[in-house]
Amino acid sequence: LYEHYYADTAQIYYEKRRKNCYQRNPLKHYAVFLRMLSRRFKAKFDATSIDEFVGEFKRTMPGYPCPSTPTVYRYIDQGLLDISNIDLPMKLKRRRNKRHHGHSGHALHKKHLGNSIEQRPKEIEDRKTPLHWEGDLVKGVRRKNQPALMTLTERTTRFEVVIKIPDYRASTCQRLLQNEIDRHPAWFKSITFDNGSEFADMTKIKGCQIYFAHPYSPWERGTNENCNGLLRQFFPKGKSMKDKSAAYVQQATDAINRKHRRILQYHTAEELFKQYISS
């Protein structure tokens, strides 16, 4: 009886001491998480948000304590960690409420380049069938003789393909996209582009159905617009891309494709895309 009593009492005191220790030093309690967090956010090529890292850690390291997203932000704001807000470009982003947009008067009179987004079949709209993409250009210096990035975002998995182009003339865009489709013919069922003049020759594309969003309607390609925003972390507006190598472009693309994203239940776009094309 006494042995049982003392054992229970000892366990109670042990748990109390552990709790007090955690309350005095929560950073020690989350030591593994915080060490991995610091390493991740000091990396040059990374597009991860705090919430994505928390979700990734919970999924891949289930046996270790993990703080909540607000708790991590609080630690950073209090200066308790060796990373600061400047290491977190994603913290500056705020989710905007979705608005229902109407087409402005001048948009209605702009010429459609080809098949309208309104002609897309339902299987594209509901995202249940992969290999349907959205596309646009990300520009540094806005001059046609300047290099830019052609970005293609797969609607279901959010996988990103980024092609550096030497200029954004319509013929250049069409030629380099055709090269990409010819290289991976099984990847592309359809692409929905912006209605800009850079894509005027896309109706010549073979092996993939091309659609065009309404003029001045970027929200119709919201998946691609989101990924373009992520790329801006590596390719700021107003800065020429002439010095950006193919290796740099690929590293930036990989950083986006390897994000553990909430919308993908904290899987990565790369993981899901590879699963689909190998099945």
Protein backbone atom coordinates (compact mmCIF):
# COMPACT_ATOMS: atom_id res chain seq x y z
CA LEU A 1 0.00 0.00 0.00
CA TYR A 2 2.72 2.45 1.02
CA GLU A 3 4.85 1.60 -2.01
CA HIS A 4 1.86 2.30 -4.27
CA TYR A 5 1.21 5.60 -2.48
CA TYR A 6 4.80 6.79 -2.77
CA ALA A 7 4.96 5.81 -6.43
CA ASP A 8 1.84 7.85 -7.21
CA THR A 9 3.13 10.80 -5.20
CA ALA A 10 6.48 10.70 -6.97
CA GLN A 11 4.74 10.69 -10.36
CA ILE A 12 2.63 13.70 -9.36
CA TYR A 13 5.72 15.67 -8.26
CA TYR A 14 7.56 14.67 -11.44
CA GLU A 15 4.75 15.90 -13.68
CA LYS A 16 4.49 19.12 -11.67
CA ARG A 17 8.22 19.78 -12.01
CA ARG A 18 8.03 19.12 -15.77
CA LYS A 19 5.14 21.55 -16.11
CA ASN A 20 6.98 24.23 -14.11
CA CYS A 21 10.10 23.70 -16.20
CA TYR A 22 8.08 24.13 -19.41
CA GLN A 23 6.40 27.27 -18.07
CA ARG A 24 9.80 28.79 -17.21
CA ASN A 25 11.39 27.86 -20.54
CA PRO A 26 8.93 27.10 -23.35
CA LEU A 27 11.75 27.50 -25.90
CA LYS A 28 13.46 24.44 -24.47
CA HIS A 29 10.21 22.50 -24.75
CA TYR A 30 10.09 23.29 -28.50
CA ALA A 31 13.85 22.96 -29.04
CA VAL A 32 13.67 20.57 -32.01
CA PHE A 33 10.98 22.60 -33.75
CA LEU A 34 12.80 25.91 -33.23
CA ARG A 35 16.13 24.54 -34.40
CA MET A 36 14.56 23.31 -37.64
CA LEU A 37 12.60 26.55 -38.03
CA SER A 38 15.75 28.66 -37.78
CA ARG A 39 17.58 26.52 -40.31
CA ARG A 40 14.69 26.73 -42.76
CA PHE A 41 14.20 30.47 -42.61
CA LYS A 42 17.90 31.25 -42.92
CA ALA A 43 17.99 29.39 -46.25
CA LYS A 44 18.45 31.55 -49.34
CA PHE A 45 15.88 29.76 -51.47
CA ASP A 46 12.75 29.23 -49.43
CA ALA A 47 9.18 30.46 -49.84
CA THR A 48 7.68 28.87 -46.72
CA SER A 49 5.37 30.74 -44.36
CA ILE A 50 5.32 30.12 -40.61
CA ASP A 51 1.93 28.39 -40.86
CA GLU A 52 3.22 26.11 -43.61
CA PHE A 53 6.25 25.18 -41.53
CA VAL A 54 4.05 24.42 -38.51
CA GLY A 55 1.79 22.23 -40.66
CA GLU A 56 4.78 20.47 -42.23
CA PHE A 57 6.36 19.82 -38.81
CA LYS A 58 3.16 18.35 -37.39
CA ARG A 59 2.82 16.03 -40.38
CA THR A 60 6.44 14.90 -40.63
CA MET A 61 7.55 15.03 -36.95
CA PRO A 62 4.46 13.87 -35.02
CA GLY A 63 6.43 12.76 -31.94
CA TYR A 64 7.78 16.23 -31.11
CA PRO A 65 6.07 19.22 -29.41
CA CYS A 66 4.94 21.88 -31.88
CA PRO A 67 3.74 25.40 -31.01
CA SER A 68 0.83 27.06 -32.79
CA THR A 69 1.37 29.54 -35.62
CA PRO A 70 0.37 32.59 -33.47
CA THR A 71 2.76 31.42 -30.74
CA VAL A 72 5.69 31.32 -33.18
CA TYR A 73 4.86 34.81 -34.44
CA ARG A 74 4.69 36.03 -30.84
CA TYR A 75 8.13 34.59 -30.08
CA ILE A 76 9.53 36.34 -33.17
CA ASP A 77 7.91 39.68 -32.31
CA GLN A 78 9.28 39.41 -28.76
CA GLY A 79 12.80 38.80 -30.08
CA LEU A 80 13.08 35.37 -28.46
CA LEU A 81 14.31 33.60 -31.61
CA ASP A 82 17.33 34.08 -33.84
CA ILE A 83 15.09 34.92 -36.80
CA SER A 84 13.25 38.21 -37.24
CA ASN A 85 10.44 39.59 -39.36
CA ILE A 86 12.91 40.45 -42.13
CA ASP A 87 13.52 36.73 -42.55
CA LEU A 88 9.78 36.20 -43.14
CA PRO A 89 8.71 37.86 -46.39
CA MET A 90 5.48 35.86 -46.27
CA LYS A 91 4.47 37.57 -43.01
CA LEU A 92 3.96 40.80 -44.95
CA LYS A 93 1.25 39.17 -47.05
CA ARG A 94 -2.34 39.42 -45.89
CA ARG A 95 -5.17 37.35 -47.25
CA ARG A 96 -7.62 39.63 -49.03
CA ASN A 97 -11.33 39.00 -49.03
CA LYS A 98 -12.52 37.62 -52.32
CA ARG A 99 -14.62 40.09 -54.25
CA HIS A 100 -16.99 39.55 -57.10
CA HIS A 101 -15.61 41.50 -60.02
CA GLY A 102 -17.46 42.87 -62.99
CA HIS A 103 -15.85 43.74 -66.29
CA SER A 104 -15.11 47.43 -66.78
CA GLY A 105 -16.44 49.16 -69.87
CA HIS A 106 -13.10 49.30 -71.70
CA ALA A 107 -12.48 45.62 -70.95
CA LEU A 108 -15.59 44.61 -72.82
CA HIS A 109 -14.26 46.19 -76.02
CA LYS A 110 -10.81 44.59 -75.92
CA LYS A 111 -10.38 41.89 -78.53
CA HIS A 112 -10.39 38.27 -77.36
CA LEU A 113 -7.30 36.45 -78.58
CA GLY A 114 -8.91 33.02 -78.97
CA ASN A 115 -11.10 30.54 -77.10
CA SER A 116 -12.67 32.28 -74.11
CA ILE A 117 -12.43 30.94 -70.57
CA GLU A 118 -16.22 30.60 -70.79
CA GLN A 119 -15.72 27.70 -73.21
CA ARG A 120 -13.71 25.61 -70.74
CA PRO A 121 -15.35 22.27 -69.85
CA LYS A 122 -16.52 21.55 -66.31
CA GLU A 123 -13.62 19.19 -65.60
CA ILE A 124 -11.29 22.20 -65.68
CA GLU A 125 -13.49 24.34 -63.48
CA ASP A 126 -13.87 21.86 -60.61
CA ARG A 127 -10.11 21.01 -60.46
CA LYS A 128 -10.83 17.28 -60.14
CA THR A 129 -8.81 16.44 -63.24
CA PRO A 130 -5.13 17.50 -63.18
CA LEU A 131 -2.98 18.76 -66.06
CA HIS A 132 -5.01 21.90 -66.71
CA TRP A 133 -2.87 25.00 -66.22
CA GLU A 134 -3.00 28.78 -65.89
CA GLY A 135 -0.30 31.00 -67.38
CA ASP A 136 1.11 34.52 -67.43
CA LEU A 137 4.37 36.47 -67.46
CA VAL A 138 6.31 37.82 -64.50
CA LYS A 139 8.27 40.86 -65.64
CA GLY A 140 11.21 42.64 -64.06
CA VAL A 141 11.72 45.70 -66.24
CA ARG A 142 8.62 46.28 -68.34
CA ARG A 143 10.13 46.53 -71.82
CA LYS A 144 9.56 44.01 -74.59
CA ASN A 145 13.29 43.51 -75.19
CA GLN A 146 13.87 42.62 -71.52
CA PRO A 147 13.87 39.03 -70.21
CA ALA A 148 10.87 37.81 -68.26
CA LEU A 149 9.47 34.62 -66.78
CA MET A 150 6.67 32.62 -68.34
CA THR A 151 4.85 30.97 -65.44
CA LEU A 152 2.55 27.95 -65.73
CA THR A 153 0.59 26.76 -62.68
CA GLU A 154 -1.21 23.41 -62.61
CA ARG A 155 -4.68 24.05 -61.19
CA THR A 156 -5.14 20.88 -59.11
CA THR A 157 -1.71 20.30 -57.56
CA ARG A 158 -0.43 23.92 -57.79
CA PHE A 159 2.77 22.63 -59.42
CA GLU A 160 4.72 25.44 -61.06
CA VAL A 161 6.72 25.47 -64.30
CA VAL A 162 8.80 28.61 -64.88
CA ILE A 163 10.53 29.38 -68.18
CA LYS A 164 12.95 32.29 -68.54
CA ILE A 165 12.35 34.02 -71.87
CA PRO A 166 14.76 36.52 -73.51
CA ASP A 167 11.98 38.97 -74.38
CA TYR A 168 8.21 38.93 -74.25
CA ARG A 169 7.29 39.28 -77.86
CA ALA A 170 4.35 37.06 -78.84
CA SER A 171 6.47 34.93 -81.17
CA THR A 172 9.05 34.28 -78.43
CA CYS A 173 6.40 33.26 -75.91
CA GLN A 174 4.74 30.90 -78.38
CA ARG A 175 8.01 29.28 -79.47
CA LEU A 176 9.30 28.60 -75.95
CA LEU A 177 5.96 27.30 -74.73
CA GLN A 178 5.78 24.92 -77.69
CA ASN A 179 9.27 23.68 -76.77
CA GLU A 180 8.08 22.95 -73.22
CA ILE A 181 4.95 21.13 -74.40
CA ASP A 182 7.02 19.07 -76.86
CA ARG A 183 9.41 18.18 -74.02
CA HIS A 184 6.58 17.02 -71.74
CA PRO A 185 3.62 16.19 -74.01
CA ALA A 186 1.77 14.24 -71.31
CA TRP A 187 1.78 17.14 -68.86
CA PHE A 188 -0.44 19.64 -70.66
CA LYS A 189 -4.14 19.22 -71.46
CA SER A 190 -5.05 22.91 -71.42
CA ILE A 191 -3.62 26.29 -70.43
CA THR A 192 -5.64 29.41 -69.65
CA PHE A 193 -3.66 32.59 -70.32
CA ASP A 194 -4.09 36.25 -69.62
CA ASN A 195 -5.52 38.19 -72.56
CA GLY A 196 -2.35 40.27 -73.02
CA SER A 197 -0.75 40.86 -76.41
CA GLU A 198 2.25 38.70 -75.41
CA PHE A 199 0.00 35.67 -75.87
CA ALA A 200 -1.44 36.61 -79.25
CA ASP A 201 0.36 33.72 -80.98
CA MET A 202 -0.72 31.05 -78.50
CA THR A 203 -3.51 29.97 -80.85
CA LYS A 204 -0.70 28.36 -82.92
CA ILE A 205 0.22 26.01 -80.08
CA LYS A 206 -0.04 22.29 -80.92
CA GLY A 207 -0.70 19.48 -78.46
CA CYS A 208 -2.53 21.56 -75.85
CA GLN A 209 -5.85 23.42 -75.76
CA ILE A 210 -5.44 27.16 -75.12
CA TYR A 211 -8.03 29.40 -73.45
CA PHE A 212 -7.95 33.10 -72.59
CA ALA A 213 -9.29 34.87 -69.52
CA HIS A 214 -11.43 37.96 -69.93
CA PRO A 215 -9.46 41.17 -70.42
CA TYR A 216 -8.33 42.83 -67.16
CA SER A 217 -9.55 39.86 -65.09
CA PRO A 218 -6.54 38.39 -63.25
CA TRP A 219 -8.81 36.77 -60.63
CA GLU A 220 -9.90 34.30 -63.31
CA ARG A 221 -6.39 32.88 -63.05
CA GLY A 222 -6.10 33.20 -59.29
CA THR A 223 -3.95 30.09 -58.82
CA ASN A 224 -1.30 31.42 -61.19
CA GLU A 225 -1.52 34.94 -59.75
CA ASN A 226 -0.83 33.56 -56.29
CA CYS A 227 2.28 31.73 -57.47
CA ASN A 228 3.45 34.82 -59.33
CA GLY A 229 3.28 36.69 -56.04
CA LEU A 230 5.46 34.03 -54.43
CA LEU A 231 8.03 34.39 -57.23
CA ARG A 232 8.34 38.11 -56.51
CA GLN A 233 10.30 37.16 -53.41
CA PHE A 234 13.10 36.12 -55.80
CA PHE A 235 12.37 38.44 -58.75
CA PRO A 236 11.42 41.95 -57.50
CA LYS A 237 9.47 44.33 -59.71
CA GLY A 238 11.55 46.91 -61.53
CA LYS A 239 14.77 44.88 -61.48
CA SER A 240 16.13 43.35 -64.67
CA MET A 241 16.34 39.57 -64.87
CA LYS A 242 19.33 39.59 -67.23
CA ASP A 243 21.70 38.34 -64.54
CA LYS A 244 19.40 35.55 -63.31
CA SER A 245 20.76 32.20 -64.45
CA ALA A 246 18.74 29.12 -65.35
CA ALA A 247 19.98 27.54 -62.10
CA TYR A 248 18.68 30.50 -60.08
CA VAL A 249 15.28 30.29 -61.79
CA GLN A 250 15.09 26.56 -61.07
CA GLN A 251 16.03 27.03 -57.40
CA ALA A 252 13.29 29.64 -56.99
CA THR A 253 10.79 27.34 -58.72
CA ASP A 254 11.78 24.42 -56.51
CA ALA A 255 11.30 26.56 -53.40
CA ILE A 256 7.68 27.17 -54.39
CA ASN A 257 6.98 23.60 -55.48
CA ARG A 258 8.37 22.25 -52.19
CA LYS A 259 6.25 24.41 -49.91
CA HIS A 260 4.01 22.37 -47.59
CA ARG A 261 0.80 24.26 -48.38
CA ARG A 262 -2.34 24.42 -46.29
CA ILE A 263 -4.57 24.17 -49.36
CA LEU A 264 -2.85 20.83 -50.12
CA GLN A 265 -3.26 19.55 -46.53
CA TYR A 266 0.42 20.44 -46.00
CA HIS A 267 1.66 18.28 -48.83
CA THR A 268 3.84 19.86 -51.50
CA ALA A 269 2.90 20.60 -55.10
CA GLU A 270 5.95 18.66 -56.26
CA GLU A 271 4.91 15.60 -54.24
CA LEU A 272 1.33 15.58 -55.56
CA PHE A 273 2.29 16.31 -59.17
CA LYS A 274 4.87 13.52 -59.26
CA GLN A 275 2.35 11.11 -57.73
CA TYR A 276 -0.16 11.91 -60.46
CA ILE A 277 2.13 11.70 -63.49
CA SER A 278 3.69 8.45 -62.25
CA SER A 279 0.32 6.75 -61.62
